[in-house]
Amino acid sequence: MMRCLAEIAAKGVKTDKGFKEIHIGQAAKALTKLVGYDVTTTQVTNHLHKWKIRYQRIEKLRLLSGALWDDDQKMIVLEDQHYLGHTQDTPKDAEFLNTPLVNYEYMEACFANKLATGKFAMGSNEPLGKPIEVESLEKPIDLEGGETNGEGFVQGEIPINFGVQGLGATTPSPSGSTNNKKRKRVLSDEDAVQVNNMSDALRDVAGAINNTCHTETHPDLCKTVMDLTNFDMDERLAVLDYLTEHKGKGLNFMKMEADVREASFKLIIAKNPDLV
């Protein structure tokens, strides 16, 4: 699906709002032919949304302090200690770090340059400080057409008879006006992306709380720590107390492979010299 949509995007037919319904239909037909059963446009849209969220997460991780980007392998690279510390705090990020990112080029073709970054206060395609367009009696904004000709931008003083939606102000309609249609406010793609980013952030916070607020330690934690016989008994006891106190980190410690667990043990001792 991603390969098909990336090829469509490469032809320059993708709009600022994403793929048109006809392009989603083309991807659905291609998938139907490939898998041998009907794939609907709704299924394609849902999967496309999941891949967009995945791409957003990757782009946020690329901005991590100290992170490097391997363009040949399409991989976010962190130093071992940085990687270990980050994945301890956010285990779900491990699948995106220090490993080649599958289908990254397809995601980039489909989603790049259309995400809300927060760099512009007045629109993603307008430089900061460009006047916004406001509605007045003489120059109403056509919300239904989706396009404006640029007229009606604020220049100098703002006319006193302009209407501001949502602030209780009303704009009288001249007799015989044909602009009395109900205007539908829909969520734009950029607004949807911001909502998704907020959802991701809330999930990250919930994950962090979940990792640190367990009521009991792992039943095999003591044995696992004591089995690390290449460390002194005092060190093992100190780390055991530390992991017992920080129960979320103790659970993560139990999920690690043997070599990663030893590295984590050394890191705990290094970061907490007062333990021993």
C-alpha atoms as a PDB file:
ATOM      1  CA  MET A   1       0.000   0.000   0.000  1.00  0.00           C
ATOM      2  CA  MET A   2       2.744   2.436   0.980  1.00  0.00           C
ATOM      3  CA  ARG A   3       4.730   1.687  -2.169  1.00  0.00           C
ATOM      4  CA  CYS A   4       1.669   2.286  -4.349  1.00  0.00           C
ATOM      5  CA  LEU A   5       0.830   5.599  -2.648  1.00  0.00           C
ATOM      6  CA  ALA A   6       4.472   6.701  -2.731  1.00  0.00           C
ATOM      7  CA  GLU A   7       4.518   6.149  -6.491  1.00  0.00           C
ATOM      8  CA  ILE A   8       1.334   8.214  -6.788  1.00  0.00           C
ATOM      9  CA  ALA A   9       2.882  10.994  -4.672  1.00  0.00           C
ATOM     10  CA  ALA A  10       6.010  10.932  -6.837  1.00  0.00           C
ATOM     11  CA  LYS A  11       3.875  11.917  -9.820  1.00  0.00           C
ATOM     12  CA  GLY A  12       3.028  15.191  -8.078  1.00  0.00           C
ATOM     13  CA  VAL A  13      -0.696  14.553  -7.825  1.00  0.00           C
ATOM     14  CA  LYS A  14      -0.872  14.616  -4.023  1.00  0.00           C
ATOM     15  CA  THR A  15      -2.569  17.732  -2.650  1.00  0.00           C
ATOM     16  CA  ASP A  16      -1.793  19.729   0.488  1.00  0.00           C
ATOM     17  CA  LYS A  17      -4.584  17.826   2.218  1.00  0.00           C
ATOM     18  CA  GLY A  18      -3.176  14.442   1.289  1.00  0.00           C
ATOM     19  CA  PHE A  19      -4.386  11.905  -1.224  1.00  0.00           C
ATOM     20  CA  LYS A  20      -7.608  12.293  -3.135  1.00  0.00           C
ATOM     21  CA  GLU A  21     -10.274   9.610  -2.996  1.00  0.00           C
ATOM     22  CA  ILE A  22      -9.394   8.466  -6.500  1.00  0.00           C
ATOM     23  CA  HIS A  23      -5.800   7.784  -5.417  1.00  0.00           C
ATOM     24  CA  ILE A  24      -6.962   5.868  -2.335  1.00  0.00           C
ATOM     25  CA  GLY A  25      -9.149   3.849  -4.715  1.00  0.00           C
ATOM     26  CA  GLN A  26      -6.159   3.087  -6.937  1.00  0.00           C
ATOM     27  CA  ALA A  27      -4.229   1.766  -3.937  1.00  0.00           C
ATOM     28  CA  ALA A  28      -7.223  -0.347  -2.861  1.00  0.00           C
ATOM     29  CA  LYS A  29      -7.477  -1.895  -6.344  1.00  0.00           C
ATOM     30  CA  ALA A  30      -3.735  -2.637  -6.401  1.00  0.00           C
ATOM     31  CA  LEU A  31      -3.948  -4.321  -3.000  1.00  0.00           C
ATOM     32  CA  THR A  32      -7.028  -6.305  -4.024  1.00  0.00           C
ATOM     33  CA  LYS A  33      -5.140  -7.620  -7.039  1.00  0.00           C
ATOM     34  CA  LEU A  34      -2.111  -8.454  -4.891  1.00  0.00           C
ATOM     35  CA  VAL A  35      -3.802 -10.296  -2.008  1.00  0.00           C
ATOM     36  CA  GLY A  36      -6.675 -11.858  -3.921  1.00  0.00           C
ATOM     37  CA  TYR A  37      -9.567 -10.462  -1.898  1.00  0.00           C
ATOM     38  CA  ASP A  38     -11.394  -7.149  -1.730  1.00  0.00           C
ATOM     39  CA  VAL A  39      -9.619  -4.301   0.037  1.00  0.00           C
ATOM     40  CA  THR A  40     -11.809  -1.259   0.650  1.00  0.00           C
ATOM     41  CA  THR A  41     -10.847   2.393   0.508  1.00  0.00           C
ATOM     42  CA  THR A  42     -11.766   2.639   4.203  1.00  0.00           C
ATOM     43  CA  GLN A  43      -9.184  -0.006   5.049  1.00  0.00           C
ATOM     44  CA  VAL A  44      -6.548   1.829   3.023  1.00  0.00           C
ATOM     45  CA  THR A  45      -7.421   5.131   4.724  1.00  0.00           C
ATOM     46  CA  ASN A  46      -7.181   3.545   8.183  1.00  0.00           C
ATOM     47  CA  HIS A  47      -3.813   1.954   7.455  1.00  0.00           C
ATOM     48  CA  LEU A  48      -2.549   5.196   5.931  1.00  0.00           C
ATOM     49  CA  HIS A  49      -3.498   6.997   9.149  1.00  0.00           C
ATOM     50  CA  LYS A  50      -1.506   4.449  11.206  1.00  0.00           C
ATOM     51  CA  TRP A  51       1.547   4.916   9.005  1.00  0.00           C
ATOM     52  CA  LYS A  52       1.233   8.703   9.332  1.00  0.00           C
ATOM     53  CA  ILE A  53       1.289   8.424  13.128  1.00  0.00           C
ATOM     54  CA  ARG A  54       4.324   6.145  12.861  1.00  0.00           C
ATOM     55  CA  TYR A  55       6.105   8.704  10.668  1.00  0.00           C
ATOM     56  CA  GLN A  56       5.287  11.502  13.110  1.00  0.00           C
ATOM     57  CA  ARG A  57       6.821   9.501  15.946  1.00  0.00           C
ATOM     58  CA  ILE A  58       9.977   8.846  13.915  1.00  0.00           C
ATOM     59  CA  GLU A  59      10.359  12.527  13.040  1.00  0.00           C
ATOM     60  CA  LYS A  60      10.051  13.490  16.700  1.00  0.00           C
ATOM     61  CA  LEU A  61      12.710  10.947  17.675  1.00  0.00           C
ATOM     62  CA  ARG A  62      15.060  12.325  15.017  1.00  0.00           C
ATOM     63  CA  LEU A  63      15.050  15.577  17.010  1.00  0.00           C
ATOM     64  CA  LEU A  64      16.358  13.897  20.177  1.00  0.00           C
ATOM     65  CA  SER A  65      19.440  15.562  21.611  1.00  0.00           C
ATOM     66  CA  GLY A  66      22.510  13.641  20.469  1.00  0.00           C
ATOM     67  CA  ALA A  67      20.642  11.595  17.866  1.00  0.00           C
ATOM     68  CA  LEU A  68      22.345  11.017  14.515  1.00  0.00           C
ATOM     69  CA  TRP A  69      20.681  10.090  11.226  1.00  0.00           C
ATOM     70  CA  ASP A  70      22.107   7.323   9.029  1.00  0.00           C
ATOM     71  CA  ASP A  71      20.639   8.166   5.637  1.00  0.00           C
ATOM     72  CA  ASP A  72      22.014   5.037   3.982  1.00  0.00           C
ATOM     73  CA  GLN A  73      20.231   2.673   6.361  1.00  0.00           C
ATOM     74  CA  LYS A  74      17.406   5.092   7.241  1.00  0.00           C
ATOM     75  CA  MET A  75      18.199   4.736  10.921  1.00  0.00           C
ATOM     76  CA  ILE A  76      18.167   6.955  14.025  1.00  0.00           C
ATOM     77  CA  VAL A  77      21.450   6.314  15.838  1.00  0.00           C
ATOM     78  CA  LEU A  78      22.005   6.866  19.567  1.00  0.00           C
ATOM     79  CA  GLU A  79      25.123   6.064  21.570  1.00  0.00           C
ATOM     80  CA  ASP A  80      24.780   2.946  23.726  1.00  0.00           C
ATOM     81  CA  GLN A  81      24.340   4.726  27.045  1.00  0.00           C
ATOM     82  CA  HIS A  82      21.959   7.281  25.582  1.00  0.00           C
ATOM     83  CA  TYR A  83      19.968   4.494  23.914  1.00  0.00           C
ATOM     84  CA  LEU A  84      19.823   2.483  27.119  1.00  0.00           C
ATOM     85  CA  GLY A  85      18.691   5.428  29.211  1.00  0.00           C
ATOM     86  CA  HIS A  86      16.056   6.521  26.693  1.00  0.00           C
ATOM     87  CA  THR A  87      14.572   3.067  26.161  1.00  0.00           C
ATOM     88  CA  GLN A  88      14.422   2.501  29.902  1.00  0.00           C
ATOM     89  CA  ASP A  89      12.256   5.597  30.228  1.00  0.00           C
ATOM     90  CA  THR A  90      10.302   5.001  26.987  1.00  0.00           C
ATOM     91  CA  PRO A  91      10.482   1.298  26.028  1.00  0.00           C
ATOM     92  CA  LYS A  92       8.125   1.718  23.058  1.00  0.00           C
ATOM     93  CA  ASP A  93      10.710   3.889  21.287  1.00  0.00           C
ATOM     94  CA  ALA A  94      13.169   0.994  21.072  1.00  0.00           C
ATOM     95  CA  GLU A  95      11.705  -0.249  17.773  1.00  0.00           C
ATOM     96  CA  PHE A  96      12.579   3.078  16.108  1.00  0.00           C
ATOM     97  CA  LEU A  97      16.129   3.515  17.432  1.00  0.00           C
ATOM     98  CA  ASN A  98      19.413   1.964  16.288  1.00  0.00           C
ATOM     99  CA  THR A  99      17.581  -0.167  13.746  1.00  0.00           C
ATOM    100  CA  PRO A 100      16.744   0.389  10.054  1.00  0.00           C
ATOM    101  CA  LEU A 101      13.278   1.894   9.646  1.00  0.00           C
ATOM    102  CA  VAL A 102      11.159  -0.246   7.344  1.00  0.00           C
ATOM    103  CA  ASN A 103       9.344   1.677   4.582  1.00  0.00           C
ATOM    104  CA  TYR A 104      10.784   5.011   5.729  1.00  0.00           C
ATOM    105  CA  GLU A 105      11.281   6.216   2.136  1.00  0.00           C
ATOM    106  CA  TYR A 106       7.638   5.447   1.338  1.00  0.00           C
ATOM    107  CA  MET A 107       6.477   7.262   4.482  1.00  0.00           C
ATOM    108  CA  GLU A 108       8.610  10.266   3.618  1.00  0.00           C
ATOM    109  CA  ALA A 109       7.169  10.394   0.090  1.00  0.00           C
ATOM    110  CA  CYS A 110       3.609  10.235   1.432  1.00  0.00           C
ATOM    111  CA  PHE A 111       3.797  12.482   4.493  1.00  0.00           C
ATOM    112  CA  ALA A 112       6.827  14.793   4.358  1.00  0.00           C
ATOM    113  CA  ASN A 113       6.259  18.565   4.182  1.00  0.00           C
ATOM    114  CA  LYS A 114       2.632  18.294   5.277  1.00  0.00           C
ATOM    115  CA  LEU A 115       2.912  17.860   9.024  1.00  0.00           C
ATOM    116  CA  ALA A 116       2.100  20.661  11.497  1.00  0.00           C
ATOM    117  CA  THR A 117       5.407  21.706  13.049  1.00  0.00           C
ATOM    118  CA  GLY A 118       4.302  24.743  15.034  1.00  0.00           C
ATOM    119  CA  LYS A 119       6.877  26.943  13.294  1.00  0.00           C
ATOM    120  CA  PHE A 120       4.213  29.283  11.887  1.00  0.00           C
ATOM    121  CA  ALA A 121       1.513  30.921  13.894  1.00  0.00           C
ATOM    122  CA  MET A 122      -0.661  31.778  10.881  1.00  0.00           C
ATOM    123  CA  GLY A 123      -0.473  28.705   8.673  1.00  0.00           C
ATOM    124  CA  SER A 124       2.018  26.097   7.577  1.00  0.00           C
ATOM    125  CA  ASN A 125       2.564  27.663   4.140  1.00  0.00           C
ATOM    126  CA  GLU A 126       2.806  31.298   5.234  1.00  0.00           C
ATOM    127  CA  PRO A 127       5.911  32.996   6.686  1.00  0.00           C
ATOM    128  CA  LEU A 128       5.681  34.187  10.253  1.00  0.00           C
ATOM    129  CA  GLY A 129       4.178  37.659  10.448  1.00  0.00           C
ATOM    130  CA  LYS A 130       2.133  37.581   7.238  1.00  0.00           C
ATOM    131  CA  PRO A 131      -1.287  39.154   7.895  1.00  0.00           C
ATOM    132  CA  ILE A 132      -4.205  36.797   8.268  1.00  0.00           C
ATOM    133  CA  GLU A 133      -7.377  37.060   6.234  1.00  0.00           C
ATOM    134  CA  VAL A 134     -10.440  38.338   8.053  1.00  0.00           C
ATOM    135  CA  GLU A 135     -14.025  38.543   6.966  1.00  0.00           C
ATOM    136  CA  SER A 136     -15.871  41.821   6.486  1.00  0.00           C
ATOM    137  CA  LEU A 137     -19.095  42.851   4.841  1.00  0.00           C
ATOM    138  CA  GLU A 138     -17.348  43.987   1.684  1.00  0.00           C
ATOM    139  CA  LYS A 139     -15.026  40.979   1.361  1.00  0.00           C
ATOM    140  CA  PRO A 140     -16.446  37.820   2.931  1.00  0.00           C
ATOM    141  CA  ILE A 141     -14.216  34.756   3.022  1.00  0.00           C
ATOM    142  CA  ASP A 142     -15.438  31.773   1.036  1.00  0.00           C
ATOM    143  CA  LEU A 143     -15.062  28.889   3.491  1.00  0.00           C
ATOM    144  CA  GLU A 144     -16.884  26.428   1.293  1.00  0.00           C
ATOM    145  CA  GLY A 145     -14.764  26.889  -1.797  1.00  0.00           C
ATOM    146  CA  GLY A 146     -11.550  26.136   0.089  1.00  0.00           C
ATOM    147  CA  GLU A 147      -9.646  28.833  -1.817  1.00  0.00           C
ATOM    148  CA  THR A 148      -9.243  32.595  -1.413  1.00  0.00           C
ATOM    149  CA  ASN A 149      -7.808  35.133  -3.789  1.00  0.00           C
ATOM    150  CA  GLY A 150      -5.835  36.922  -1.072  1.00  0.00           C
ATOM    151  CA  GLU A 151      -8.164  39.913  -0.892  1.00  0.00           C
ATOM    152  CA  GLY A 152      -9.365  41.000   2.479  1.00  0.00           C
ATOM    153  CA  PHE A 153      -5.993  40.799   4.223  1.00  0.00           C
ATOM    154  CA  VAL A 154      -5.509  43.197   7.065  1.00  0.00           C
ATOM    155  CA  GLN A 155      -3.781  46.343   5.888  1.00  0.00           C
ATOM    156  CA  GLY A 156      -3.595  49.285   8.285  1.00  0.00           C
ATOM    157  CA  GLU A 157      -6.691  49.719  10.452  1.00  0.00           C
ATOM    158  CA  ILE A 158      -9.150  46.878  10.840  1.00  0.00           C
ATOM    159  CA  PRO A 159     -12.658  47.791   9.665  1.00  0.00           C
ATOM    160  CA  ILE A 160     -15.045  48.193  12.569  1.00  0.00           C
ATOM    161  CA  ASN A 161     -17.750  46.096  10.896  1.00  0.00           C
ATOM    162  CA  PHE A 162     -15.799  42.847  10.734  1.00  0.00           C
ATOM    163  CA  GLY A 163     -17.162  39.687  12.367  1.00  0.00           C
ATOM    164  CA  VAL A 164     -15.202  37.377  14.621  1.00  0.00           C
ATOM    165  CA  GLN A 165     -16.602  33.904  14.873  1.00  0.00           C
ATOM    166  CA  GLY A 166     -16.841  32.424  18.333  1.00  0.00           C
ATOM    167  CA  LEU A 167     -16.530  35.733  20.237  1.00  0.00           C
ATOM    168  CA  GLY A 168     -20.205  36.587  20.312  1.00  0.00           C
ATOM    169  CA  ALA A 169     -19.915  39.200  17.566  1.00  0.00           C
ATOM    170  CA  THR A 170     -22.446  39.107  14.769  1.00  0.00           C
ATOM    171  CA  THR A 171     -22.310  40.364  11.221  1.00  0.00           C
ATOM    172  CA  PRO A 172     -25.577  41.699   9.848  1.00  0.00           C
ATOM    173  CA  SER A 173     -26.578  40.307   6.487  1.00  0.00           C
ATOM    174  CA  PRO A 174     -27.710  42.712   3.786  1.00  0.00           C
ATOM    175  CA  SER A 175     -31.169  42.146   2.419  1.00  0.00           C
ATOM    176  CA  GLY A 176     -31.308  39.666  -0.422  1.00  0.00           C
ATOM    177  CA  SER A 177     -27.869  38.283   0.414  1.00  0.00           C
ATOM    178  CA  THR A 178     -27.103  34.824  -0.882  1.00  0.00           C
ATOM    179  CA  ASN A 179     -24.403  34.206   1.722  1.00  0.00           C
ATOM    180  CA  ASN A 180     -26.761  32.796   4.349  1.00  0.00           C
ATOM    181  CA  LYS A 181     -25.693  29.184   3.880  1.00  0.00           C
ATOM    182  CA  LYS A 182     -24.642  27.305   6.956  1.00  0.00           C
ATOM    183  CA  ARG A 183     -20.891  27.025   6.920  1.00  0.00           C
ATOM    184  CA  LYS A 184     -19.495  23.744   8.070  1.00  0.00           C
ATOM    185  CA  ARG A 185     -16.318  23.783  10.120  1.00  0.00           C
ATOM    186  CA  VAL A 186     -14.322  20.631   9.544  1.00  0.00           C
ATOM    187  CA  LEU A 187     -11.062  19.507  11.095  1.00  0.00           C
ATOM    188  CA  SER A 188      -8.198  20.237   8.695  1.00  0.00           C
ATOM    189  CA  ASP A 189      -5.335  17.795   8.120  1.00  0.00           C
ATOM    190  CA  GLU A 190      -2.981  19.986  10.143  1.00  0.00           C
ATOM    191  CA  ASP A 191      -5.452  20.146  13.037  1.00  0.00           C
ATOM    192  CA  ALA A 192      -5.839  16.359  12.885  1.00  0.00           C
ATOM    193  CA  VAL A 193      -2.059  15.960  13.020  1.00  0.00           C
ATOM    194  CA  GLN A 194      -1.886  18.209  16.082  1.00  0.00           C
ATOM    195  CA  VAL A 195      -4.602  16.134  17.753  1.00  0.00           C
ATOM    196  CA  ASN A 196      -2.643  12.980  16.928  1.00  0.00           C
ATOM    197  CA  ASN A 197       0.532  14.521  18.372  1.00  0.00           C
ATOM    198  CA  MET A 198      -1.345  15.386  21.556  1.00  0.00           C
ATOM    199  CA  SER A 199      -2.645  11.811  21.730  1.00  0.00           C
ATOM    200  CA  ASP A 200       0.888  10.467  21.292  1.00  0.00           C
ATOM    201  CA  ALA A 201       2.143  12.746  24.052  1.00  0.00           C
ATOM    202  CA  LEU A 202      -0.624  11.607  26.407  1.00  0.00           C
ATOM    203  CA  ARG A 203       0.180   7.970  25.629  1.00  0.00           C
ATOM    204  CA  ASP A 204       3.866   8.646  26.374  1.00  0.00           C
ATOM    205  CA  VAL A 205       2.966  10.251  29.705  1.00  0.00           C
ATOM    206  CA  ALA A 206       0.666   7.352  30.560  1.00  0.00           C
ATOM    207  CA  GLY A 207       3.432   4.903  29.655  1.00  0.00           C
ATOM    208  CA  ALA A 208       5.926   6.740  31.848  1.00  0.00           C
ATOM    209  CA  ILE A 209       3.488   6.741  34.771  1.00  0.00           C
ATOM    210  CA  ASN A 210       2.781   3.055  34.211  1.00  0.00           C
ATOM    211  CA  ASN A 211       6.510   2.293  34.229  1.00  0.00           C
ATOM    212  CA  THR A 212       7.120   4.026  37.544  1.00  0.00           C
ATOM    213  CA  CYS A 213       3.938   3.383  39.549  1.00  0.00           C
ATOM    214  CA  HIS A 214       3.773  -0.388  39.964  1.00  0.00           C
ATOM    215  CA  THR A 215       2.790  -1.693  43.365  1.00  0.00           C
ATOM    216  CA  GLU A 216       5.097  -4.718  43.442  1.00  0.00           C
ATOM    217  CA  THR A 217       8.406  -5.860  42.023  1.00  0.00           C
ATOM    218  CA  HIS A 218       8.969  -8.694  39.581  1.00  0.00           C
ATOM    219  CA  PRO A 219       9.033 -12.026  41.497  1.00  0.00           C
ATOM    220  CA  ASP A 220      12.347 -13.040  39.862  1.00  0.00           C
ATOM    221  CA  LEU A 221      14.115  -9.707  40.342  1.00  0.00           C
ATOM    222  CA  CYS A 222      16.177 -10.799  43.350  1.00  0.00           C
ATOM    223  CA  LYS A 223      17.392 -14.017  41.715  1.00  0.00           C
ATOM    224  CA  THR A 224      18.186 -12.244  38.432  1.00  0.00           C
ATOM    225  CA  VAL A 225      20.306  -9.592  40.153  1.00  0.00           C
ATOM    226  CA  MET A 226      22.075 -12.133  42.355  1.00  0.00           C
ATOM    227  CA  ASP A 227      22.912 -14.244  39.287  1.00  0.00           C
ATOM    228  CA  LEU A 228      25.140 -11.420  38.009  1.00  0.00           C
ATOM    229  CA  THR A 229      28.121 -12.975  39.802  1.00  0.00           C
ATOM    230  CA  ASN A 230      30.708 -10.943  37.882  1.00  0.00           C
ATOM    231  CA  PHE A 231      29.748  -8.017  40.138  1.00  0.00           C
ATOM    232  CA  ASP A 232      30.508  -7.671  43.861  1.00  0.00           C
ATOM    233  CA  MET A 233      27.879  -8.708  46.371  1.00  0.00           C
ATOM    234  CA  ASP A 234      27.700  -5.143  47.740  1.00  0.00           C
ATOM    235  CA  GLU A 235      26.995  -3.839  44.235  1.00  0.00           C
ATOM    236  CA  ARG A 236      24.324  -6.454  43.610  1.00  0.00           C
ATOM    237  CA  LEU A 237      22.587  -5.689  46.897  1.00  0.00           C
ATOM    238  CA  ALA A 238      22.738  -1.955  46.205  1.00  0.00           C
ATOM    239  CA  VAL A 239      21.266  -2.334  42.703  1.00  0.00           C
ATOM    240  CA  LEU A 240      18.610  -4.701  44.022  1.00  0.00           C
ATOM    241  CA  ASP A 241      17.533  -2.065  46.566  1.00  0.00           C
ATOM    242  CA  TYR A 242      17.518   0.567  43.816  1.00  0.00           C
ATOM    243  CA  LEU A 243      15.372  -1.536  41.453  1.00  0.00           C
ATOM    244  CA  THR A 244      13.043  -2.492  44.294  1.00  0.00           C
ATOM    245  CA  GLU A 245      12.510   1.179  45.094  1.00  0.00           C
ATOM    246  CA  HIS A 246      12.058   2.093  41.393  1.00  0.00           C
ATOM    247  CA  LYS A 247       9.656  -0.678  40.502  1.00  0.00           C
ATOM    248  CA  GLY A 248       9.047   0.460  36.914  1.00  0.00           C
ATOM    249  CA  LYS A 249      12.788   0.331  36.180  1.00  0.00           C
ATOM    250  CA  GLY A 250      12.931  -3.052  37.870  1.00  0.00           C
ATOM    251  CA  LEU A 251      10.323  -4.444  35.474  1.00  0.00           C
ATOM    252  CA  ASN A 252      12.232  -3.030  32.492  1.00  0.00           C
ATOM    253  CA  PHE A 253      15.421  -4.590  33.880  1.00  0.00           C
ATOM    254  CA  MET A 254      13.753  -8.007  33.816  1.00  0.00           C
ATOM    255  CA  LYS A 255      12.731  -7.581  30.168  1.00  0.00           C
ATOM    256  CA  MET A 256      16.296  -6.949  28.977  1.00  0.00           C
ATOM    257  CA  GLU A 257      18.595  -9.420  27.280  1.00  0.00           C
ATOM    258  CA  ALA A 258      21.540 -10.651  29.380  1.00  0.00           C
ATOM    259  CA  ASP A 259      24.161  -8.359  27.819  1.00  0.00           C
ATOM    260  CA  VAL A 260      21.878  -5.325  27.981  1.00  0.00           C
ATOM    261  CA  ARG A 261      21.039  -6.162  31.590  1.00  0.00           C
ATOM    262  CA  GLU A 262      24.726  -6.117  32.529  1.00  0.00           C
ATOM    263  CA  ALA A 263      25.178  -2.794  30.768  1.00  0.00           C
ATOM    264  CA  SER A 264      22.182  -1.434  32.651  1.00  0.00           C
ATOM    265  CA  PHE A 265      23.660  -2.691  35.938  1.00  0.00           C
ATOM    266  CA  LYS A 266      26.907  -0.814  35.240  1.00  0.00           C
ATOM    267  CA  LEU A 267      24.977   2.300  34.272  1.00  0.00           C
ATOM    268  CA  ILE A 268      22.973   2.253  37.518  1.00  0.00           C
ATOM    269  CA  ILE A 269      26.191   2.024  39.551  1.00  0.00           C
ATOM    270  CA  ALA A 270      27.835   4.786  37.493  1.00  0.00           C
ATOM    271  CA  LYS A 271      24.873   7.166  37.805  1.00  0.00           C
ATOM    272  CA  ASN A 272      24.338   6.428  41.502  1.00  0.00           C
ATOM    273  CA  PRO A 273      27.788   6.211  43.113  1.00  0.00           C
ATOM    274  CA  ASP A 274      26.287   6.639  46.565  1.00  0.00           C
ATOM    275  CA  LEU A 275      24.486   3.308  46.315  1.00  0.00           C
ATOM    276  CA  VAL A 276      27.569   1.279  47.224  1.00  0.00           C
END
